[in-house]
Amino acid sequence: MGLTRSFCCRRLCFTNVASCPHCGKAFQPGALDEKAAHEDRAFDQKSHVLFLVAFLVLPVVLFFIPFTTT
């Protein structure tokens, strides 16, 4: 059971509910689970990019700094 944002009012609700507890709009079965999984994949992709920048690009830049200061 996870949390995701409702389609209609954008408030947090559990992924296994049949309707939004805030506005009452009914959801199709599994729609919120699919949306939560999509949001998790998007977050994973963003964190992979940040990892690449922090741990691959930064050492390359730090390697070339001593050569440019002389």
PDB file of N, CA and C in Angstrom:
ATOM      1  N   MET A   1       0.859  -1.164   0.000  1.00  0.00           N
ATOM      2  CA  MET A   1       0.000   0.000   0.000  1.00  0.00           C
ATOM      3  C   MET A   1       0.904   1.226   0.000  1.00  0.00           C
ATOM      4  N   GLY A   2       0.831   2.015  -1.047  1.00  0.00           N
ATOM      5  CA  GLY A   2       1.629   3.203  -1.170  1.00  0.00           C
ATOM      6  C   GLY A   2       0.773   4.450  -1.235  1.00  0.00           C
ATOM      7  N   LEU A   3       1.450   5.566  -1.313  1.00  0.00           N
ATOM      8  CA  LEU A   3       0.768   6.849  -1.441  1.00  0.00           C
ATOM      9  C   LEU A   3       1.070   7.445  -2.803  1.00  0.00           C
ATOM     10  N   THR A   4       0.089   8.074  -3.376  1.00  0.00           N
ATOM     11  CA  THR A   4       0.259   8.802  -4.624  1.00  0.00           C
ATOM     12  C   THR A   4      -0.746   9.949  -4.635  1.00  0.00           C
ATOM     13  N   ARG A   5      -0.671  10.779  -5.633  1.00  0.00           N
ATOM     14  CA  ARG A   5      -1.592  11.908  -5.726  1.00  0.00           C
ATOM     15  C   ARG A   5      -2.827  11.512  -6.530  1.00  0.00           C
ATOM     16  N   SER A   6      -3.973  12.012  -6.116  1.00  0.00           N
ATOM     17  CA  SER A   6      -5.234  11.743  -6.793  1.00  0.00           C
ATOM     18  C   SER A   6      -5.245  12.437  -8.153  1.00  0.00           C
ATOM     19  N   PHE A   7      -5.936  11.834  -9.125  1.00  0.00           N
ATOM     20  CA  PHE A   7      -6.039  12.442 -10.457  1.00  0.00           C
ATOM     21  C   PHE A   7      -6.824  13.743 -10.430  1.00  0.00           C
ATOM     22  N   CYS A   8      -7.836  13.799  -9.592  1.00  0.00           N
ATOM     23  CA  CYS A   8      -8.774  14.922  -9.649  1.00  0.00           C
ATOM     24  C   CYS A   8      -8.342  16.110  -8.789  1.00  0.00           C
ATOM     25  N   CYS A   9      -7.998  15.870  -7.527  1.00  0.00           N
ATOM     26  CA  CYS A   9      -7.717  17.006  -6.641  1.00  0.00           C
ATOM     27  C   CYS A   9      -6.247  17.135  -6.266  1.00  0.00           C
ATOM     28  N   ARG A  10      -5.401  16.202  -6.713  1.00  0.00           N
ATOM     29  CA  ARG A  10      -3.951  16.217  -6.496  1.00  0.00           C
ATOM     30  C   ARG A  10      -3.556  16.096  -5.022  1.00  0.00           C
ATOM     31  N   ARG A  11      -4.457  15.628  -4.172  1.00  0.00           N
ATOM     32  CA  ARG A  11      -4.126  15.380  -2.772  1.00  0.00           C
ATOM     33  C   ARG A  11      -3.645  13.942  -2.618  1.00  0.00           C
ATOM     34  N   LEU A  12      -2.887  13.682  -1.568  1.00  0.00           N
ATOM     35  CA  LEU A  12      -2.368  12.345  -1.339  1.00  0.00           C
ATOM     36  C   LEU A  12      -3.469  11.379  -0.942  1.00  0.00           C
ATOM     37  N   CYS A  13      -3.408  10.182  -1.507  1.00  0.00           N
ATOM     38  CA  CYS A  13      -4.326   9.116  -1.115  1.00  0.00           C
ATOM     39  C   CYS A  13      -3.612   7.789  -1.320  1.00  0.00           C
ATOM     40  N   PHE A  14      -4.119   6.740  -0.673  1.00  0.00           N
ATOM     41  CA  PHE A  14      -3.533   5.415  -0.799  1.00  0.00           C
ATOM     42  C   PHE A  14      -3.832   4.840  -2.180  1.00  0.00           C
ATOM     43  N   THR A  15      -2.946   3.968  -2.641  1.00  0.00           N
ATOM     44  CA  THR A  15      -3.092   3.421  -3.990  1.00  0.00           C
ATOM     45  C   THR A  15      -4.155   2.341  -4.088  1.00  0.00           C
ATOM     46  N   ASN A  16      -4.623   1.811  -2.977  1.00  0.00           N
ATOM     47  CA  ASN A  16      -5.589   0.724  -3.041  1.00  0.00           C
ATOM     48  C   ASN A  16      -7.030   1.167  -2.784  1.00  0.00           C
ATOM     49  N   VAL A  17      -7.307   2.466  -2.800  1.00  0.00           N
ATOM     50  CA  VAL A  17      -8.672   2.938  -2.565  1.00  0.00           C
ATOM     51  C   VAL A  17      -9.469   2.931  -3.874  1.00  0.00           C
ATOM     52  N   ALA A  18     -10.786   2.829  -3.732  1.00  0.00           N
ATOM     53  CA  ALA A  18     -11.653   2.805  -4.910  1.00  0.00           C
ATOM     54  C   ALA A  18     -12.084   4.200  -5.329  1.00  0.00           C
ATOM     55  N   SER A  19     -12.025   5.153  -4.387  1.00  0.00           N
ATOM     56  CA  SER A  19     -12.380   6.536  -4.708  1.00  0.00           C
ATOM     57  C   SER A  19     -11.538   7.470  -3.851  1.00  0.00           C
ATOM     58  N   CYS A  20     -11.433   8.701  -4.292  1.00  0.00           N
ATOM     59  CA  CYS A  20     -10.644   9.707  -3.577  1.00  0.00           C
ATOM     60  C   CYS A  20     -11.335  10.042  -2.257  1.00  0.00           C
ATOM     61  N   PRO A  21     -10.613   9.992  -1.133  1.00  0.00           N
ATOM     62  CA  PRO A  21     -11.238  10.311   0.150  1.00  0.00           C
ATOM     63  C   PRO A  21     -11.544  11.799   0.309  1.00  0.00           C
ATOM     64  N   HIS A  22     -10.963  12.643  -0.532  1.00  0.00           N
ATOM     65  CA  HIS A  22     -11.155  14.089  -0.403  1.00  0.00           C
ATOM     66  C   HIS A  22     -12.309  14.597  -1.271  1.00  0.00           C
ATOM     67  N   CYS A  23     -12.301  14.202  -2.537  1.00  0.00           N
ATOM     68  CA  CYS A  23     -13.337  14.718  -3.442  1.00  0.00           C
ATOM     69  C   CYS A  23     -14.374  13.666  -3.839  1.00  0.00           C
ATOM     70  N   GLY A  24     -14.098  12.382  -3.585  1.00  0.00           N
ATOM     71  CA  GLY A  24     -15.067  11.340  -3.843  1.00  0.00           C
ATOM     72  C   GLY A  24     -15.084  10.770  -5.252  1.00  0.00           C
ATOM     73  N   LYS A  25     -14.185  11.191  -6.119  1.00  0.00           N
ATOM     74  CA  LYS A  25     -14.168  10.670  -7.490  1.00  0.00           C
ATOM     75  C   LYS A  25     -13.712   9.208  -7.482  1.00  0.00           C
ATOM     76  N   ALA A  26     -14.440   8.350  -8.211  1.00  0.00           N
ATOM     77  CA  ALA A  26     -14.115   6.929  -8.287  1.00  0.00           C
ATOM     78  C   ALA A  26     -12.975   6.698  -9.283  1.00  0.00           C
ATOM     79  N   PHE A  27     -12.115   5.730  -8.978  1.00  0.00           N
ATOM     80  CA  PHE A  27     -10.987   5.374  -9.828  1.00  0.00           C
ATOM     81  C   PHE A  27     -11.220   4.009 -10.448  1.00  0.00           C
ATOM     82  N   GLN A  28     -10.600   3.778 -11.599  1.00  0.00           N
ATOM     83  CA  GLN A  28     -10.615   2.444 -12.189  1.00  0.00           C
ATOM     84  C   GLN A  28      -9.691   1.559 -11.352  1.00  0.00           C
ATOM     85  N   PRO A  29      -9.987   0.274 -11.233  1.00  0.00           N
ATOM     86  CA  PRO A  29      -9.130  -0.613 -10.443  1.00  0.00           C
ATOM     87  C   PRO A  29      -7.701  -0.632 -10.982  1.00  0.00           C
ATOM     88  N   GLY A  30      -6.751  -0.398 -10.122  1.00  0.00           N
ATOM     89  CA  GLY A  30      -5.339  -0.419 -10.499  1.00  0.00           C
ATOM     90  C   GLY A  30      -4.814   0.874 -11.088  1.00  0.00           C
ATOM     91  N   ALA A  31      -5.639   1.872 -11.272  1.00  0.00           N
ATOM     92  CA  ALA A  31      -5.181   3.115 -11.901  1.00  0.00           C
ATOM     93  C   ALA A  31      -4.173   3.840 -11.020  1.00  0.00           C
ATOM     94  N   LEU A  32      -4.428   3.881  -9.737  1.00  0.00           N
ATOM     95  CA  LEU A  32      -3.499   4.569  -8.842  1.00  0.00           C
ATOM     96  C   LEU A  32      -2.207   3.785  -8.654  1.00  0.00           C
ATOM     97  N   ASP A  33      -2.289   2.444  -8.665  1.00  0.00           N
ATOM     98  CA  ASP A  33      -1.074   1.632  -8.593  1.00  0.00           C
ATOM     99  C   ASP A  33      -0.178   1.884  -9.796  1.00  0.00           C
ATOM    100  N   GLU A  34      -0.782   1.970 -10.971  1.00  0.00           N
ATOM    101  CA  GLU A  34      -0.024   2.227 -12.195  1.00  0.00           C
ATOM    102  C   GLU A  34       0.614   3.617 -12.150  1.00  0.00           C
ATOM    103  N   LYS A  35      -0.130   4.587 -11.657  1.00  0.00           N
ATOM    104  CA  LYS A  35       0.390   5.946 -11.566  1.00  0.00           C
ATOM    105  C   LYS A  35       1.548   6.009 -10.575  1.00  0.00           C
ATOM    106  N   ALA A  36       1.426   5.329  -9.439  1.00  0.00           N
ATOM    107  CA  ALA A  36       2.493   5.312  -8.435  1.00  0.00           C
ATOM    108  C   ALA A  36       3.747   4.638  -8.993  1.00  0.00           C
ATOM    109  N   ALA A  37       3.579   3.557  -9.746  1.00  0.00           N
ATOM    110  CA  ALA A  37       4.721   2.873 -10.354  1.00  0.00           C
ATOM    111  C   ALA A  37       5.410   3.776 -11.374  1.00  0.00           C
ATOM    112  N   HIS A  38       4.631   4.526 -12.142  1.00  0.00           N
ATOM    113  CA  HIS A  38       5.203   5.456 -13.121  1.00  0.00           C
ATOM    114  C   HIS A  38       6.000   6.554 -12.412  1.00  0.00           C
ATOM    115  N   GLU A  39       5.471   7.089 -11.319  1.00  0.00           N
ATOM    116  CA  GLU A  39       6.177   8.121 -10.569  1.00  0.00           C
ATOM    117  C   GLU A  39       7.473   7.579  -9.975  1.00  0.00           C
ATOM    118  N   ASP A  40       7.468   6.328  -9.528  1.00  0.00           N
ATOM    119  CA  ASP A  40       8.687   5.716  -8.992  1.00  0.00           C
ATOM    120  C   ASP A  40       9.745   5.563 -10.079  1.00  0.00           C
ATOM    121  N   ARG A  41       9.341   5.145 -11.275  1.00  0.00           N
ATOM    122  CA  ARG A  41      10.300   5.012 -12.378  1.00  0.00           C
ATOM    123  C   ARG A  41      10.882   6.368 -12.757  1.00  0.00           C
ATOM    124  N   ALA A  42      10.065   7.410 -12.772  1.00  0.00           N
ATOM    125  CA  ALA A  42      10.553   8.745 -13.111  1.00  0.00           C
ATOM    126  C   ALA A  42      11.549   9.229 -12.060  1.00  0.00           C
ATOM    127  N   PHE A  43      11.264   8.966 -10.793  1.00  0.00           N
ATOM    128  CA  PHE A  43      12.184   9.359  -9.730  1.00  0.00           C
ATOM    129  C   PHE A  43      13.501   8.599  -9.847  1.00  0.00           C
ATOM    130  N   ASP A  44      13.434   7.303 -10.162  1.00  0.00           N
ATOM    131  CA  ASP A  44      14.653   6.511 -10.327  1.00  0.00           C
ATOM    132  C   ASP A  44      15.512   7.049 -11.457  1.00  0.00           C
ATOM    133  N   GLN A  45      14.899   7.446 -12.565  1.00  0.00           N
ATOM    134  CA  GLN A  45      15.658   7.986 -13.684  1.00  0.00           C
ATOM    135  C   GLN A  45      16.362   9.287 -13.298  1.00  0.00           C
ATOM    136  N   LYS A  46      15.664  10.148 -12.562  1.00  0.00           N
ATOM    137  CA  LYS A  46      16.271  11.401 -12.130  1.00  0.00           C
ATOM    138  C   LYS A  46      17.427  11.155 -11.179  1.00  0.00           C
ATOM    139  N   SER A  47      17.290  10.205 -10.279  1.00  0.00           N
ATOM    140  CA  SER A  47      18.370   9.943  -9.340  1.00  0.00           C
ATOM    141  C   SER A  47      19.562   9.296 -10.036  1.00  0.00           C
ATOM    142  N   HIS A  48      19.325   8.518 -11.110  1.00  0.00           N
ATOM    143  CA  HIS A  48      20.453   7.970 -11.868  1.00  0.00           C
ATOM    144  C   HIS A  48      21.241   9.080 -12.552  1.00  0.00           C
ATOM    145  N   VAL A  49      20.560  10.063 -13.070  1.00  0.00           N
ATOM    146  CA  VAL A  49      21.240  11.189 -13.718  1.00  0.00           C
ATOM    147  C   VAL A  49      22.065  11.957 -12.692  1.00  0.00           C
ATOM    148  N   LEU A  50      21.506  12.200 -11.513  1.00  0.00           N
ATOM    149  CA  LEU A  50      22.265  12.905 -10.475  1.00  0.00           C
ATOM    150  C   LEU A  50      23.483  12.108 -10.047  1.00  0.00           C
ATOM    151  N   PHE A  51      23.370  10.796  -9.980  1.00  0.00           N
ATOM    152  CA  PHE A  51      24.510   9.953  -9.644  1.00  0.00           C
ATOM    153  C   PHE A  51      25.603  10.103 -10.690  1.00  0.00           C
ATOM    154  N   LEU A  52      25.234  10.076 -11.964  1.00  0.00           N
ATOM    155  CA  LEU A  52      26.223  10.206 -13.023  1.00  0.00           C
ATOM    156  C   LEU A  52      26.939  11.537 -12.959  1.00  0.00           C
ATOM    157  N   VAL A  53      26.205  12.594 -12.692  1.00  0.00           N
ATOM    158  CA  VAL A  53      26.826  13.914 -12.607  1.00  0.00           C
ATOM    159  C   VAL A  53      27.770  13.986 -11.416  1.00  0.00           C
ATOM    160  N   ALA A  54      27.321  13.506 -10.279  1.00  0.00           N
ATOM    161  CA  ALA A  54      28.120  13.637  -9.061  1.00  0.00           C
ATOM    162  C   ALA A  54      29.354  12.742  -9.058  1.00  0.00           C
ATOM    163  N   PHE A  55      29.242  11.531  -9.570  1.00  0.00           N
ATOM    164  CA  PHE A  55      30.332  10.585  -9.425  1.00  0.00           C
ATOM    165  C   PHE A  55      31.119  10.295 -10.689  1.00  0.00           C
ATOM    166  N   LEU A  56      30.704  10.807 -11.824  1.00  0.00           N
ATOM    167  CA  LEU A  56      31.473  10.611 -13.048  1.00  0.00           C
ATOM    168  C   LEU A  56      32.005  11.911 -13.614  1.00  0.00           C
ATOM    169  N   VAL A  57      31.179  12.915 -13.697  1.00  0.00           N
ATOM    170  CA  VAL A  57      31.612  14.186 -14.272  1.00  0.00           C
ATOM    171  C   VAL A  57      32.517  14.951 -13.317  1.00  0.00           C
ATOM    172  N   LEU A  58      32.160  14.994 -12.045  1.00  0.00           N
ATOM    173  CA  LEU A  58      32.951  15.743 -11.066  1.00  0.00           C
ATOM    174  C   LEU A  58      34.398  15.250 -10.966  1.00  0.00           C
ATOM    175  N   PRO A  59      34.670  13.944 -10.890  1.00  0.00           N
ATOM    176  CA  PRO A  59      36.075  13.512 -10.875  1.00  0.00           C
ATOM    177  C   PRO A  59      36.840  13.878 -12.146  1.00  0.00           C
ATOM    178  N   VAL A  60      36.185  13.849 -13.290  1.00  0.00           N
ATOM    179  CA  VAL A  60      36.854  14.238 -14.530  1.00  0.00           C
ATOM    180  C   VAL A  60      37.239  15.711 -14.474  1.00  0.00           C
ATOM    181  N   VAL A  61      36.340  16.550 -13.986  1.00  0.00           N
ATOM    182  CA  VAL A  61      36.629  17.983 -13.868  1.00  0.00           C
ATOM    183  C   VAL A  61      37.764  18.208 -12.877  1.00  0.00           C
ATOM    184  N   LEU A  62      37.721  17.533 -11.750  1.00  0.00           N
ATOM    185  CA  LEU A  62      38.787  17.686 -10.752  1.00  0.00           C
ATOM    186  C   LEU A  62      40.120  17.160 -11.258  1.00  0.00           C
ATOM    187  N   PHE A  63      40.113  16.203 -12.156  1.00  0.00           N
ATOM    188  CA  PHE A  63      41.344  15.704 -12.737  1.00  0.00           C
ATOM    189  C   PHE A  63      42.009  16.737 -13.633  1.00  0.00           C
ATOM    190  N   PHE A  64      41.213  17.511 -14.381  1.00  0.00           N
ATOM    191  CA  PHE A  64      41.760  18.472 -15.316  1.00  0.00           C
ATOM    192  C   PHE A  64      42.110  19.827 -14.694  1.00  0.00           C
ATOM    193  N   ILE A  65      41.667  20.112 -13.495  1.00  0.00           N
ATOM    194  CA  ILE A  65      41.967  21.391 -12.853  1.00  0.00           C
ATOM    195  C   ILE A  65      43.471  21.599 -12.637  1.00  0.00           C
ATOM    196  N   PRO A  66      44.240  20.620 -12.161  1.00  0.00           N
ATOM    197  CA  PRO A  66      45.680  20.861 -11.993  1.00  0.00           C
ATOM    198  C   PRO A  66      46.398  21.170 -13.299  1.00  0.00           C
ATOM    199  N   PHE A  67      45.924  20.657 -14.425  1.00  0.00           N
ATOM    200  CA  PHE A  67      46.588  20.914 -15.698  1.00  0.00           C
ATOM    201  C   PHE A  67      46.309  22.316 -16.210  1.00  0.00           C
ATOM    202  N   THR A  68      45.190  22.902 -15.827  1.00  0.00           N
ATOM    203  CA  THR A  68      44.864  24.232 -16.314  1.00  0.00           C
ATOM    204  C   THR A  68      45.434  25.338 -15.436  1.00  0.00           C
ATOM    205  N   THR A  69      45.851  25.029 -14.215  1.00  0.00           N
ATOM    206  CA  THR A  69      46.368  26.081 -13.324  1.00  0.00           C
ATOM    207  C   THR A  69      47.843  26.331 -13.537  1.00  0.00           C
ATOM    208  N   THR A  70      48.555  25.465 -14.239  1.00  0.00           N
ATOM    209  CA  THR A  70      49.989  25.679 -14.431  1.00  0.00           C
ATOM    210  C   THR A  70      50.288  26.444 -15.672  1.00  0.00           C
TER     211      THR A  70
END
